[in-house]
Amino acid sequence: MNHPRWHDQLSSGLTALGLTLSAQQQERLVSFLGLLTKWNLAYNLTAVREPSEMVSRQLLDSLSLLPWVTTGHLLDVGAGGGLPGIPLAIALPDRRFTLLDSNSKKTRFLTQCVLELKLSNVDVIHGRAEACDPGARYDQISSRAFSALANLVAWCGHLLADDGQFLAMKGQFPDDEVAALPAGWRLAAHHPLQVPGCTGERHLLIIDRDSETGG
């Protein structure tokens, strides 16, 4: 179910982002979009259904996070249809990615992606973040369209290393969500994301513990 223009859109979008990926990586990204499109018919994995928008709003949007992924093992919470986790894992084959979602249909899809795309650096966990027992805590936890920031830190804070970071992808800058962060957490930095082909605002918010308040 690959769209004939996806390869060209991806190639030009990567150039605009200043990213270099191999032909095999680009083929895997397009194959992932094909799987997403196919499974979306039955599983409602994403609201983006227009093929001409999928490269920009799904692949390039996810890959715009790459400059801030510094850990060797990233946890993606509310992984849903695999965004941004699967594109990041394809782009960074030497890093590990754990994708967590409470919806069994979505984790079934993610598991199928891992098998079909041969992603040996991806683990899929079906469960609720707040119920997860962190055998080892993560230096970075990503989220995209997951929940309000206060919920993110409340549900997932125990999974984050003491000096770790949440990488929260948002649309418009969520002033109200930042203001509602509980004591012990702070907005450490934020970056506008320039996504080729995407209209509307995109922001990355980096949230960490506020050492000054003893969080």
N, C-alpha and C. Protein backbone atom coordinates (compact mmCIF):
# COMPACT_ATOMS: atom_id res chain seq x y z
N MET A 1 0.83 -1.21 0.00
CA MET A 1 0.00 0.00 0.00
C MET A 1 0.86 1.26 0.00
N ASN A 2 2.05 1.14 -0.59
CA ASN A 2 2.93 2.30 -0.64
C ASN A 2 2.47 3.28 -1.70
N HIS A 3 2.55 4.54 -1.37
CA HIS A 3 2.15 5.61 -2.28
C HIS A 3 3.33 5.94 -3.18
N PRO A 4 3.09 6.17 -4.48
CA PRO A 4 4.22 6.36 -5.39
C PRO A 4 5.10 7.57 -5.10
N ARG A 5 4.56 8.57 -4.40
CA ARG A 5 5.34 9.77 -4.16
C ARG A 5 6.07 9.78 -2.82
N TRP A 6 5.85 8.74 -2.01
CA TRP A 6 6.43 8.75 -0.67
C TRP A 6 7.96 8.81 -0.69
N HIS A 7 8.59 8.06 -1.60
CA HIS A 7 10.05 8.06 -1.65
C HIS A 7 10.59 9.47 -1.92
N ASP A 8 9.99 10.14 -2.91
CA ASP A 8 10.46 11.49 -3.26
C ASP A 8 10.22 12.47 -2.12
N GLN A 9 9.04 12.38 -1.50
CA GLN A 9 8.72 13.28 -0.40
C GLN A 9 9.68 13.07 0.77
N LEU A 10 10.00 11.81 1.04
CA LEU A 10 10.90 11.50 2.14
C LEU A 10 12.30 12.02 1.84
N SER A 11 12.79 11.77 0.64
CA SER A 11 14.14 12.19 0.28
C SER A 11 14.30 13.71 0.38
N SER A 12 13.35 14.45 -0.17
CA SER A 12 13.45 15.91 -0.11
C SER A 12 13.27 16.43 1.32
N GLY A 13 12.41 15.77 2.10
CA GLY A 13 12.19 16.17 3.49
C GLY A 13 13.42 15.94 4.34
N LEU A 14 14.11 14.82 4.13
CA LEU A 14 15.35 14.55 4.87
C LEU A 14 16.40 15.60 4.56
N THR A 15 16.48 15.99 3.29
CA THR A 15 17.43 17.04 2.90
C THR A 15 17.12 18.34 3.63
N ALA A 16 15.82 18.67 3.68
CA ALA A 16 15.41 19.91 4.36
C ALA A 16 15.72 19.87 5.85
N LEU A 17 15.65 18.69 6.45
CA LEU A 17 15.96 18.53 7.87
C LEU A 17 17.46 18.42 8.13
N GLY A 18 18.24 18.29 7.06
CA GLY A 18 19.68 18.12 7.22
C GLY A 18 20.07 16.74 7.68
N LEU A 19 19.25 15.74 7.35
CA LEU A 19 19.50 14.36 7.78
C LEU A 19 19.94 13.51 6.61
N THR A 20 20.84 12.57 6.87
CA THR A 20 21.29 11.64 5.84
C THR A 20 20.98 10.23 6.30
N LEU A 21 20.13 9.54 5.55
CA LEU A 21 19.80 8.15 5.84
C LEU A 21 20.09 7.31 4.61
N SER A 22 20.48 6.07 4.82
CA SER A 22 20.80 5.19 3.71
C SER A 22 19.55 4.84 2.91
N ALA A 23 19.78 4.31 1.71
CA ALA A 23 18.65 3.89 0.87
C ALA A 23 17.84 2.81 1.59
N GLN A 24 18.53 1.92 2.32
CA GLN A 24 17.81 0.86 3.05
C GLN A 24 16.96 1.45 4.17
N GLN A 25 17.48 2.44 4.88
CA GLN A 25 16.70 3.09 5.94
C GLN A 25 15.48 3.79 5.36
N GLN A 26 15.66 4.48 4.25
CA GLN A 26 14.53 5.16 3.63
C GLN A 26 13.48 4.16 3.16
N GLU A 27 13.93 3.02 2.64
CA GLU A 27 13.00 1.98 2.20
C GLU A 27 12.21 1.44 3.39
N ARG A 28 12.89 1.26 4.51
CA ARG A 28 12.20 0.78 5.72
C ARG A 28 11.16 1.80 6.20
N LEU A 29 11.50 3.07 6.15
CA LEU A 29 10.55 4.11 6.57
C LEU A 29 9.30 4.09 5.69
N VAL A 30 9.49 3.95 4.39
CA VAL A 30 8.34 3.89 3.48
C VAL A 30 7.54 2.61 3.72
N SER A 31 8.25 1.51 3.97
CA SER A 31 7.55 0.24 4.28
C SER A 31 6.73 0.37 5.56
N PHE A 32 7.29 1.09 6.55
CA PHE A 32 6.54 1.33 7.79
C PHE A 32 5.26 2.10 7.50
N LEU A 33 5.34 3.13 6.67
CA LEU A 33 4.12 3.89 6.31
C LEU A 33 3.10 2.98 5.64
N GLY A 34 3.58 2.07 4.81
CA GLY A 34 2.67 1.12 4.16
C GLY A 34 1.95 0.25 5.17
N LEU A 35 2.70 -0.24 6.17
CA LEU A 35 2.08 -1.04 7.23
C LEU A 35 1.07 -0.21 8.02
N LEU A 36 1.44 1.02 8.34
CA LEU A 36 0.56 1.90 9.10
C LEU A 36 -0.74 2.14 8.35
N THR A 37 -0.63 2.38 7.05
CA THR A 37 -1.81 2.62 6.22
C THR A 37 -2.71 1.38 6.18
N LYS A 38 -2.09 0.22 6.00
CA LYS A 38 -2.84 -1.04 5.91
C LYS A 38 -3.57 -1.34 7.21
N TRP A 39 -2.85 -1.26 8.34
CA TRP A 39 -3.45 -1.60 9.63
C TRP A 39 -4.42 -0.53 10.11
N ASN A 40 -4.23 0.69 9.65
CA ASN A 40 -5.10 1.78 10.09
C ASN A 40 -6.55 1.55 9.67
N LEU A 41 -6.75 0.83 8.60
CA LEU A 41 -8.10 0.57 8.11
C LEU A 41 -8.93 -0.16 9.16
N ALA A 42 -8.29 -1.04 9.92
CA ALA A 42 -9.02 -1.82 10.92
C ALA A 42 -8.76 -1.36 12.35
N TYR A 43 -7.58 -0.78 12.60
CA TYR A 43 -7.17 -0.53 13.98
C TYR A 43 -7.21 0.93 14.40
N ASN A 44 -7.47 1.85 13.48
CA ASN A 44 -7.57 3.27 13.82
C ASN A 44 -6.34 3.74 14.60
N LEU A 45 -5.18 3.59 13.98
CA LEU A 45 -3.91 3.89 14.64
C LEU A 45 -3.55 5.37 14.59
N THR A 46 -4.03 6.06 13.57
CA THR A 46 -3.68 7.46 13.39
C THR A 46 -4.81 8.19 12.69
N ALA A 47 -4.94 9.47 13.00
CA ALA A 47 -5.99 10.28 12.37
C ALA A 47 -5.58 10.76 10.98
N VAL A 48 -4.30 10.65 10.66
CA VAL A 48 -3.82 11.10 9.35
C VAL A 48 -4.08 10.00 8.33
N ARG A 49 -5.01 10.25 7.42
CA ARG A 49 -5.40 9.23 6.46
C ARG A 49 -5.13 9.64 5.01
N GLU A 50 -4.74 10.89 4.80
CA GLU A 50 -4.47 11.38 3.45
C GLU A 50 -3.03 11.00 3.07
N PRO A 51 -2.85 10.12 2.07
CA PRO A 51 -1.50 9.64 1.74
C PRO A 51 -0.49 10.76 1.47
N SER A 52 -0.93 11.86 0.89
CA SER A 52 0.01 12.94 0.55
C SER A 52 0.55 13.65 1.79
N GLU A 53 -0.12 13.47 2.95
CA GLU A 53 0.32 14.13 4.18
C GLU A 53 1.14 13.21 5.09
N MET A 54 1.18 11.93 4.77
CA MET A 54 1.72 10.97 5.73
C MET A 54 3.23 11.10 5.93
N VAL A 55 3.98 11.37 4.87
CA VAL A 55 5.42 11.48 5.02
C VAL A 55 5.76 12.65 5.95
N SER A 56 5.13 13.80 5.71
CA SER A 56 5.47 14.98 6.52
C SER A 56 4.93 14.86 7.93
N ARG A 57 3.68 14.46 8.09
CA ARG A 57 3.05 14.50 9.41
C ARG A 57 3.39 13.30 10.28
N GLN A 58 3.93 12.25 9.67
CA GLN A 58 4.27 11.07 10.47
C GLN A 58 5.78 10.81 10.48
N LEU A 59 6.37 10.62 9.31
CA LEU A 59 7.81 10.31 9.28
C LEU A 59 8.67 11.52 9.63
N LEU A 60 8.52 12.62 8.89
CA LEU A 60 9.39 13.78 9.10
C LEU A 60 9.15 14.42 10.46
N ASP A 61 7.90 14.44 10.90
CA ASP A 61 7.58 14.97 12.22
C ASP A 61 8.32 14.17 13.30
N SER A 62 8.29 12.85 13.18
CA SER A 62 8.99 12.00 14.15
C SER A 62 10.50 12.22 14.08
N LEU A 63 11.04 12.29 12.86
CA LEU A 63 12.49 12.41 12.69
C LEU A 63 13.01 13.78 13.10
N SER A 64 12.13 14.78 13.20
CA SER A 64 12.57 16.11 13.64
C SER A 64 13.08 16.07 15.08
N LEU A 65 12.76 14.99 15.80
CA LEU A 65 13.23 14.83 17.20
C LEU A 65 14.68 14.35 17.28
N LEU A 66 15.21 13.83 16.19
CA LEU A 66 16.52 13.18 16.20
C LEU A 66 17.65 13.98 16.87
N PRO A 67 17.78 15.28 16.63
CA PRO A 67 18.91 16.00 17.23
C PRO A 67 18.93 15.97 18.76
N TRP A 68 17.81 15.69 19.38
CA TRP A 68 17.73 15.72 20.85
C TRP A 68 17.77 14.33 21.48
N VAL A 69 17.83 13.28 20.66
CA VAL A 69 17.92 11.92 21.20
C VAL A 69 19.40 11.63 21.47
N THR A 70 19.77 11.65 22.74
CA THR A 70 21.17 11.49 23.12
C THR A 70 21.43 10.20 23.91
N THR A 71 20.39 9.52 24.33
CA THR A 71 20.54 8.33 25.15
C THR A 71 20.76 7.09 24.29
N GLY A 72 21.32 6.07 24.91
CA GLY A 72 21.49 4.80 24.21
C GLY A 72 20.26 3.92 24.25
N HIS A 73 19.28 4.29 25.11
CA HIS A 73 18.05 3.49 25.25
C HIS A 73 16.90 4.43 25.60
N LEU A 74 16.02 4.65 24.65
CA LEU A 74 14.91 5.59 24.82
C LEU A 74 13.60 4.84 25.02
N LEU A 75 12.78 5.34 25.95
CA LEU A 75 11.43 4.81 26.15
C LEU A 75 10.45 5.76 25.48
N ASP A 76 9.57 5.21 24.62
CA ASP A 76 8.51 6.00 23.99
C ASP A 76 7.19 5.58 24.60
N VAL A 77 6.55 6.51 25.33
CA VAL A 77 5.30 6.17 26.03
C VAL A 77 4.10 6.60 25.20
N GLY A 78 3.01 5.83 25.33
CA GLY A 78 1.86 6.08 24.48
C GLY A 78 2.25 5.93 23.02
N ALA A 79 3.00 4.85 22.74
CA ALA A 79 3.64 4.70 21.43
C ALA A 79 2.65 4.61 20.28
N GLY A 80 1.42 4.17 20.56
CA GLY A 80 0.35 4.19 19.56
C GLY A 80 0.72 3.51 18.27
N GLY A 81 0.69 4.28 17.18
CA GLY A 81 1.02 3.73 15.87
C GLY A 81 2.50 3.71 15.58
N GLY A 82 3.33 3.90 16.62
CA GLY A 82 4.77 3.80 16.44
C GLY A 82 5.46 5.11 16.15
N LEU A 83 4.79 6.22 16.47
CA LEU A 83 5.34 7.55 16.21
C LEU A 83 5.63 8.25 17.53
N PRO A 84 6.85 8.69 17.76
CA PRO A 84 8.01 8.73 16.86
C PRO A 84 8.92 7.49 16.94
N GLY A 85 8.57 6.49 17.77
CA GLY A 85 9.51 5.42 18.10
C GLY A 85 10.04 4.63 16.92
N ILE A 86 9.17 4.19 16.02
CA ILE A 86 9.62 3.35 14.90
C ILE A 86 10.53 4.14 13.94
N PRO A 87 10.15 5.34 13.48
CA PRO A 87 11.08 6.08 12.62
C PRO A 87 12.42 6.37 13.30
N LEU A 88 12.40 6.70 14.59
CA LEU A 88 13.66 6.94 15.30
C LEU A 88 14.51 5.68 15.35
N ALA A 89 13.88 4.54 15.58
CA ALA A 89 14.62 3.27 15.65
C ALA A 89 15.23 2.91 14.31
N ILE A 90 14.52 3.21 13.22
CA ILE A 90 15.07 2.95 11.89
C ILE A 90 16.27 3.87 11.63
N ALA A 91 16.16 5.12 12.07
CA ALA A 91 17.21 6.10 11.82
C ALA A 91 18.43 5.88 12.71
N LEU A 92 18.23 5.25 13.89
CA LEU A 92 19.32 5.06 14.86
C LEU A 92 19.44 3.58 15.22
N PRO A 93 19.93 2.77 14.31
CA PRO A 93 19.95 1.32 14.54
C PRO A 93 20.88 0.87 15.65
N ASP A 94 21.81 1.75 16.08
CA ASP A 94 22.73 1.39 17.15
C ASP A 94 22.21 1.75 18.53
N ARG A 95 20.99 2.32 18.60
CA ARG A 95 20.37 2.64 19.89
C ARG A 95 19.20 1.67 20.12
N ARG A 96 18.80 1.55 21.40
CA ARG A 96 17.64 0.71 21.74
C ARG A 96 16.42 1.58 21.98
N PHE A 97 15.27 1.04 21.63
CA PHE A 97 14.00 1.75 21.81
C PHE A 97 12.99 0.79 22.42
N THR A 98 12.34 1.24 23.49
CA THR A 98 11.26 0.48 24.09
C THR A 98 9.97 1.26 23.87
N LEU A 99 8.99 0.62 23.26
CA LEU A 99 7.71 1.26 22.93
C LEU A 99 6.64 0.72 23.86
N LEU A 100 5.99 1.62 24.58
CA LEU A 100 5.01 1.24 25.61
C LEU A 100 3.64 1.79 25.25
N ASP A 101 2.63 0.93 25.27
CA ASP A 101 1.26 1.39 25.05
C ASP A 101 0.30 0.45 25.78
N SER A 102 -0.81 1.03 26.25
CA SER A 102 -1.79 0.23 27.01
C SER A 102 -2.85 -0.40 26.11
N ASN A 103 -2.86 -0.04 24.82
CA ASN A 103 -3.86 -0.54 23.89
C ASN A 103 -3.31 -1.78 23.18
N SER A 104 -3.97 -2.93 23.38
CA SER A 104 -3.43 -4.19 22.86
C SER A 104 -3.42 -4.22 21.33
N LYS A 105 -4.38 -3.56 20.68
CA LYS A 105 -4.36 -3.52 19.21
C LYS A 105 -3.12 -2.78 18.72
N LYS A 106 -2.78 -1.69 19.41
CA LYS A 106 -1.62 -0.91 18.98
C LYS A 106 -0.32 -1.65 19.23
N THR A 107 -0.22 -2.35 20.36
CA THR A 107 1.02 -3.10 20.60
C THR A 107 1.11 -4.30 19.66
N ARG A 108 -0.03 -4.84 19.24
CA ARG A 108 0.00 -5.92 18.25
C ARG A 108 0.56 -5.40 16.92
N PHE A 109 0.12 -4.20 16.54
CA PHE A 109 0.65 -3.57 15.33
C PHE A 109 2.15 -3.31 15.46
N LEU A 110 2.57 -2.76 16.60
CA LEU A 110 3.98 -2.46 16.79
C LEU A 110 4.84 -3.72 16.72
N THR A 111 4.34 -4.80 17.32
CA THR A 111 5.06 -6.07 17.27
C THR A 111 5.19 -6.56 15.83
N GLN A 112 4.13 -6.39 15.06
CA GLN A 112 4.18 -6.79 13.64
C GLN A 112 5.20 -5.95 12.87
N CYS A 113 5.27 -4.64 13.19
CA CYS A 113 6.26 -3.77 12.55
C CYS A 113 7.68 -4.26 12.85
N VAL A 114 7.93 -4.60 14.10
CA VAL A 114 9.26 -5.08 14.50
C VAL A 114 9.63 -6.33 13.69
N LEU A 115 8.65 -7.24 13.52
CA LEU A 115 8.91 -8.47 12.78
C LEU A 115 9.14 -8.20 11.30
N GLU A 116 8.22 -7.46 10.68
CA GLU A 116 8.29 -7.26 9.23
C GLU A 116 9.45 -6.37 8.81
N LEU A 117 9.78 -5.39 9.65
CA LEU A 117 10.86 -4.47 9.30
C LEU A 117 12.21 -4.93 9.87
N LYS A 118 12.17 -6.06 10.59
CA LYS A 118 13.40 -6.64 11.16
C LYS A 118 14.14 -5.63 12.04
N LEU A 119 13.41 -5.07 13.01
CA LEU A 119 13.97 -4.06 13.90
C LEU A 119 14.47 -4.73 15.18
N SER A 120 15.71 -5.13 15.16
CA SER A 120 16.27 -5.86 16.30
C SER A 120 16.55 -4.96 17.49
N ASN A 121 16.43 -3.64 17.31
CA ASN A 121 16.71 -2.69 18.40
C ASN A 121 15.44 -2.17 19.07
N VAL A 122 14.30 -2.82 18.85
CA VAL A 122 13.02 -2.35 19.39
C VAL A 122 12.36 -3.43 20.25
N ASP A 123 11.91 -3.02 21.44
CA ASP A 123 11.09 -3.88 22.31
C ASP A 123 9.73 -3.23 22.46
N VAL A 124 8.69 -4.04 22.50
CA VAL A 124 7.32 -3.55 22.66
C VAL A 124 6.75 -4.06 23.97
N ILE A 125 6.18 -3.16 24.76
CA ILE A 125 5.56 -3.53 26.04
C ILE A 125 4.10 -3.11 26.02
N HIS A 126 3.22 -4.07 26.31
CA HIS A 126 1.80 -3.77 26.46
C HIS A 126 1.51 -3.55 27.94
N GLY A 127 1.11 -2.33 28.29
CA GLY A 127 0.81 -2.04 29.69
C GLY A 127 0.65 -0.55 29.93
N ARG A 128 0.22 -0.23 31.12
CA ARG A 128 0.06 1.18 31.50
C ARG A 128 1.36 1.67 32.13
N ALA A 129 1.75 2.88 31.79
CA ALA A 129 3.02 3.42 32.27
C ALA A 129 3.08 3.41 33.78
N GLU A 130 1.98 3.80 34.42
CA GLU A 130 2.01 3.94 35.87
C GLU A 130 2.11 2.58 36.58
N ALA A 131 1.81 1.50 35.86
CA ALA A 131 1.89 0.16 36.44
C ALA A 131 3.20 -0.54 36.12
N CYS A 132 4.04 0.08 35.31
CA CYS A 132 5.29 -0.56 34.91
C CYS A 132 6.30 -0.53 36.05
N ASP A 133 6.96 -1.65 36.23
CA ASP A 133 8.02 -1.74 37.23
C ASP A 133 9.34 -1.48 36.51
N PRO A 134 9.99 -0.35 36.81
CA PRO A 134 11.21 -0.03 36.08
C PRO A 134 12.40 -0.86 36.56
N GLY A 135 12.73 -1.91 35.81
CA GLY A 135 13.92 -2.67 36.15
C GLY A 135 15.13 -1.76 36.07
N ALA A 136 15.15 -0.94 35.03
CA ALA A 136 16.17 0.09 34.89
C ALA A 136 15.45 1.34 34.41
N ARG A 137 15.81 2.48 34.97
CA ARG A 137 15.12 3.71 34.55
C ARG A 137 15.80 4.32 33.33
N TYR A 138 15.07 5.14 32.64
CA TYR A 138 15.50 5.64 31.34
C TYR A 138 16.02 7.08 31.44
N ASP A 139 17.07 7.36 30.68
CA ASP A 139 17.61 8.73 30.64
C ASP A 139 16.71 9.67 29.85
N GLN A 140 16.01 9.13 28.87
CA GLN A 140 15.08 9.94 28.08
C GLN A 140 13.80 9.16 27.82
N ILE A 141 12.67 9.87 27.94
CA ILE A 141 11.36 9.30 27.64
C ILE A 141 10.66 10.24 26.68
N SER A 142 10.27 9.73 25.52
CA SER A 142 9.59 10.56 24.52
C SER A 142 8.08 10.34 24.58
N SER A 143 7.36 11.37 24.17
CA SER A 143 5.90 11.25 24.05
C SER A 143 5.45 12.16 22.92
N ARG A 144 4.46 11.70 22.18
CA ARG A 144 3.91 12.47 21.07
C ARG A 144 2.40 12.32 21.13
N ALA A 145 1.72 13.43 21.36
CA ALA A 145 0.25 13.41 21.45
C ALA A 145 -0.21 12.38 22.48
N PHE A 146 0.51 12.31 23.60
CA PHE A 146 0.21 11.29 24.61
C PHE A 146 -0.79 11.81 25.64
N SER A 147 -0.46 12.86 26.37
CA SER A 147 -1.33 13.37 27.41
C SER A 147 -0.79 14.72 27.86
N ALA A 148 -1.53 15.36 28.77
CA ALA A 148 -1.06 16.62 29.33
C ALA A 148 0.25 16.38 30.09
N LEU A 149 1.08 17.42 30.17
CA LEU A 149 2.39 17.29 30.80
C LEU A 149 2.29 16.84 32.25
N ALA A 150 1.31 17.33 32.98
CA ALA A 150 1.15 16.93 34.38
C ALA A 150 0.89 15.43 34.49
N ASN A 151 0.10 14.89 33.56
CA ASN A 151 -0.13 13.44 33.55
C ASN A 151 1.14 12.69 33.16
N LEU A 152 1.87 13.24 32.21
CA LEU A 152 3.10 12.59 31.75
C LEU A 152 4.07 12.38 32.92
N VAL A 153 4.30 13.43 33.70
CA VAL A 153 5.27 13.29 34.80
C VAL A 153 4.68 12.46 35.94
N ALA A 154 3.36 12.53 36.15
CA ALA A 154 2.74 11.74 37.22
C ALA A 154 2.77 10.25 36.90
N TRP A 155 2.45 9.90 35.66
CA TRP A 155 2.35 8.50 35.27
C TRP A 155 3.71 7.87 34.97
N CYS A 156 4.66 8.68 34.51
CA CYS A 156 5.91 8.12 33.99
C CYS A 156 7.14 8.57 34.76
N GLY A 157 6.98 9.43 35.77
CA GLY A 157 8.13 9.95 36.49
C GLY A 157 8.98 8.87 37.11
N HIS A 158 8.35 7.78 37.57
CA HIS A 158 9.12 6.71 38.22
C HIS A 158 9.96 5.92 37.22
N LEU A 159 9.69 6.11 35.92
CA LEU A 159 10.45 5.41 34.89
C LEU A 159 11.64 6.23 34.40
N LEU A 160 11.72 7.49 34.86
CA LEU A 160 12.76 8.41 34.40
C LEU A 160 13.92 8.44 35.39
N ALA A 161 15.14 8.35 34.87
CA ALA A 161 16.33 8.46 35.73
C ALA A 161 16.33 9.80 36.46
N ASP A 162 17.03 9.86 37.57
CA ASP A 162 17.02 11.07 38.40
C ASP A 162 17.38 12.32 37.60
N ASP A 163 18.36 12.19 36.71
CA ASP A 163 18.78 13.34 35.91
C ASP A 163 18.29 13.22 34.47
N GLY A 164 17.20 12.46 34.27
CA GLY A 164 16.67 12.22 32.93
C GLY A 164 15.80 13.35 32.41
N GLN A 165 15.37 13.18 31.16
CA GLN A 165 14.57 14.18 30.47
C GLN A 165 13.35 13.55 29.81
N PHE A 166 12.23 14.24 29.91
CA PHE A 166 11.09 13.94 29.05
C PHE A 166 11.23 14.77 27.77
N LEU A 167 11.03 14.13 26.62
CA LEU A 167 11.00 14.81 25.34
C LEU A 167 9.54 14.79 24.87
N ALA A 168 8.82 15.86 25.14
CA ALA A 168 7.38 15.91 24.86
C ALA A 168 7.12 16.71 23.59
N MET A 169 6.55 16.05 22.59
CA MET A 169 6.24 16.70 21.32
C MET A 169 4.80 17.23 21.38
N LYS A 170 4.65 18.50 21.05
CA LYS A 170 3.35 19.16 21.12
C LYS A 170 3.10 19.97 19.85
N GLY A 171 1.85 20.36 19.66
CA GLY A 171 1.51 21.25 18.56
C GLY A 171 1.77 22.68 18.98
N GLN A 172 0.69 23.42 19.24
CA GLN A 172 0.86 24.78 19.76
C GLN A 172 1.54 24.72 21.13
N PHE A 173 2.30 25.76 21.44
CA PHE A 173 2.98 25.76 22.74
C PHE A 173 1.95 25.73 23.87
N PRO A 174 2.01 24.72 24.76
CA PRO A 174 0.95 24.53 25.76
C PRO A 174 1.23 25.30 27.06
N ASP A 175 1.04 26.61 27.03
CA ASP A 175 1.32 27.43 28.22
C ASP A 175 0.60 26.91 29.45
N ASP A 176 -0.68 26.51 29.26
CA ASP A 176 -1.47 26.06 30.41
C ASP A 176 -0.90 24.77 31.00
N GLU A 177 -0.41 23.87 30.14
CA GLU A 177 0.16 22.62 30.63
C GLU A 177 1.48 22.86 31.38
N VAL A 178 2.28 23.79 30.88
CA VAL A 178 3.53 24.11 31.56
C VAL A 178 3.23 24.71 32.93
N ALA A 179 2.23 25.59 32.97
CA ALA A 179 1.87 26.22 34.24
C ALA A 179 1.34 25.20 35.24
N ALA A 180 0.77 24.10 34.73
CA ALA A 180 0.16 23.09 35.61
C ALA A 180 1.14 21.99 36.03
N LEU A 181 2.41 22.09 35.62
CA LEU A 181 3.38 21.08 36.05
C LEU A 181 3.46 21.06 37.58
N PRO A 182 3.45 19.89 38.19
CA PRO A 182 3.51 19.83 39.65
C PRO A 182 4.88 20.23 40.18
N ALA A 183 4.91 20.54 41.45
CA ALA A 183 6.17 20.89 42.11
C ALA A 183 7.18 19.77 41.90
N GLY A 184 8.43 20.17 41.71
CA GLY A 184 9.49 19.19 41.49
C GLY A 184 9.82 18.96 40.03
N TRP A 185 9.01 19.56 39.13
CA TRP A 185 9.25 19.41 37.69
C TRP A 185 9.31 20.79 37.05
N ARG A 186 10.06 20.91 35.96
CA ARG A 186 10.19 22.20 35.30
C ARG A 186 10.37 22.01 33.79
N LEU A 187 10.05 23.08 33.07
CA LEU A 187 10.36 23.14 31.65
C LEU A 187 11.83 23.55 31.53
N ALA A 188 12.70 22.62 31.16
CA ALA A 188 14.13 22.89 31.09
C ALA A 188 14.50 23.64 29.82
N ALA A 189 13.78 23.32 28.72
CA ALA A 189 14.05 23.98 27.44
C ALA A 189 12.89 23.70 26.50
N HIS A 190 12.74 24.52 25.51
CA HIS A 190 11.78 24.19 24.46
C HIS A 190 12.32 24.65 23.12
N HIS A 191 11.93 23.91 22.07
CA HIS A 191 12.44 24.17 20.74
C HIS A 191 11.30 24.10 19.74
N PRO A 192 11.12 25.13 18.91
CA PRO A 192 10.17 24.99 17.80
C PRO A 192 10.72 23.99 16.79
N LEU A 193 9.87 23.12 16.30
CA LEU A 193 10.29 22.11 15.33
C LEU A 193 9.83 22.54 13.94
N GLN A 194 10.78 22.58 13.03
CA GLN A 194 10.47 22.91 11.64
C GLN A 194 10.33 21.61 10.86
N VAL A 195 9.09 21.26 10.51
CA VAL A 195 8.84 19.99 9.84
C VAL A 195 8.47 20.27 8.38
N PRO A 196 9.29 19.85 7.44
CA PRO A 196 8.98 20.10 6.02
C PRO A 196 7.61 19.56 5.63
N GLY A 197 6.80 20.42 5.02
CA GLY A 197 5.49 19.99 4.55
C GLY A 197 4.38 20.10 5.58
N CYS A 198 4.72 20.45 6.82
CA CYS A 198 3.71 20.56 7.88
C CYS A 198 3.33 22.02 8.10
N THR A 199 2.05 22.29 8.07
CA THR A 199 1.58 23.61 8.47
C THR A 199 1.21 23.54 9.94
N GLY A 200 1.18 24.68 10.59
CA GLY A 200 0.85 24.69 12.02
C GLY A 200 2.10 24.52 12.86
N GLU A 201 1.96 24.91 14.12
CA GLU A 201 3.12 24.90 15.03
C GLU A 201 3.44 23.49 15.50
N ARG A 202 4.74 23.25 15.72
CA ARG A 202 5.20 22.03 16.37
C ARG A 202 6.28 22.44 17.36
N HIS A 203 6.22 21.89 18.55
CA HIS A 203 7.19 22.23 19.59
C HIS A 203 7.69 20.98 20.29
N LEU A 204 8.95 21.03 20.69
CA LEU A 204 9.51 20.03 21.59
C LEU A 204 9.73 20.68 22.94
N LEU A 205 9.15 20.08 23.98
CA LEU A 205 9.34 20.56 25.35
C LEU A 205 10.20 19.55 26.10
N ILE A 206 11.28 20.02 26.68
CA ILE A 206 12.14 19.17 27.49
C ILE A 206 11.84 19.42 28.96
N ILE A 207 11.34 18.39 29.62
CA ILE A 207 10.92 18.50 31.03
C ILE A 207 11.86 17.66 31.88
N ASP A 208 12.33 18.25 32.97
CA ASP A 208 13.16 17.46 33.90
C ASP A 208 12.82 17.84 35.34
N ARG A 209 13.49 17.16 36.27
CA ARG A 209 13.25 17.44 37.68
C ARG A 209 13.88 18.76 38.06
N ASP A 210 13.18 19.48 38.92
CA ASP A 210 13.65 20.79 39.38
C ASP A 210 14.42 20.59 40.68
N SER A 211 15.74 20.55 40.58
CA SER A 211 16.55 20.25 41.76
C SER A 211 16.41 21.33 42.84
N GLU A 212 16.07 22.55 42.42
CA GLU A 212 15.96 23.64 43.40
C GLU A 212 14.76 23.47 44.33
N THR A 213 13.75 22.73 43.87
CA THR A 213 12.59 22.50 44.72
C THR A 213 12.62 21.10 45.34
N GLY A 214 13.74 20.41 45.12
CA GLY A 214 13.88 19.10 45.75
C GLY A 214 13.12 18.01 45.06
N GLY A 215 12.79 18.21 43.76
CA GLY A 215 12.04 17.20 43.03
C GLY A 215 12.90 16.05 42.59
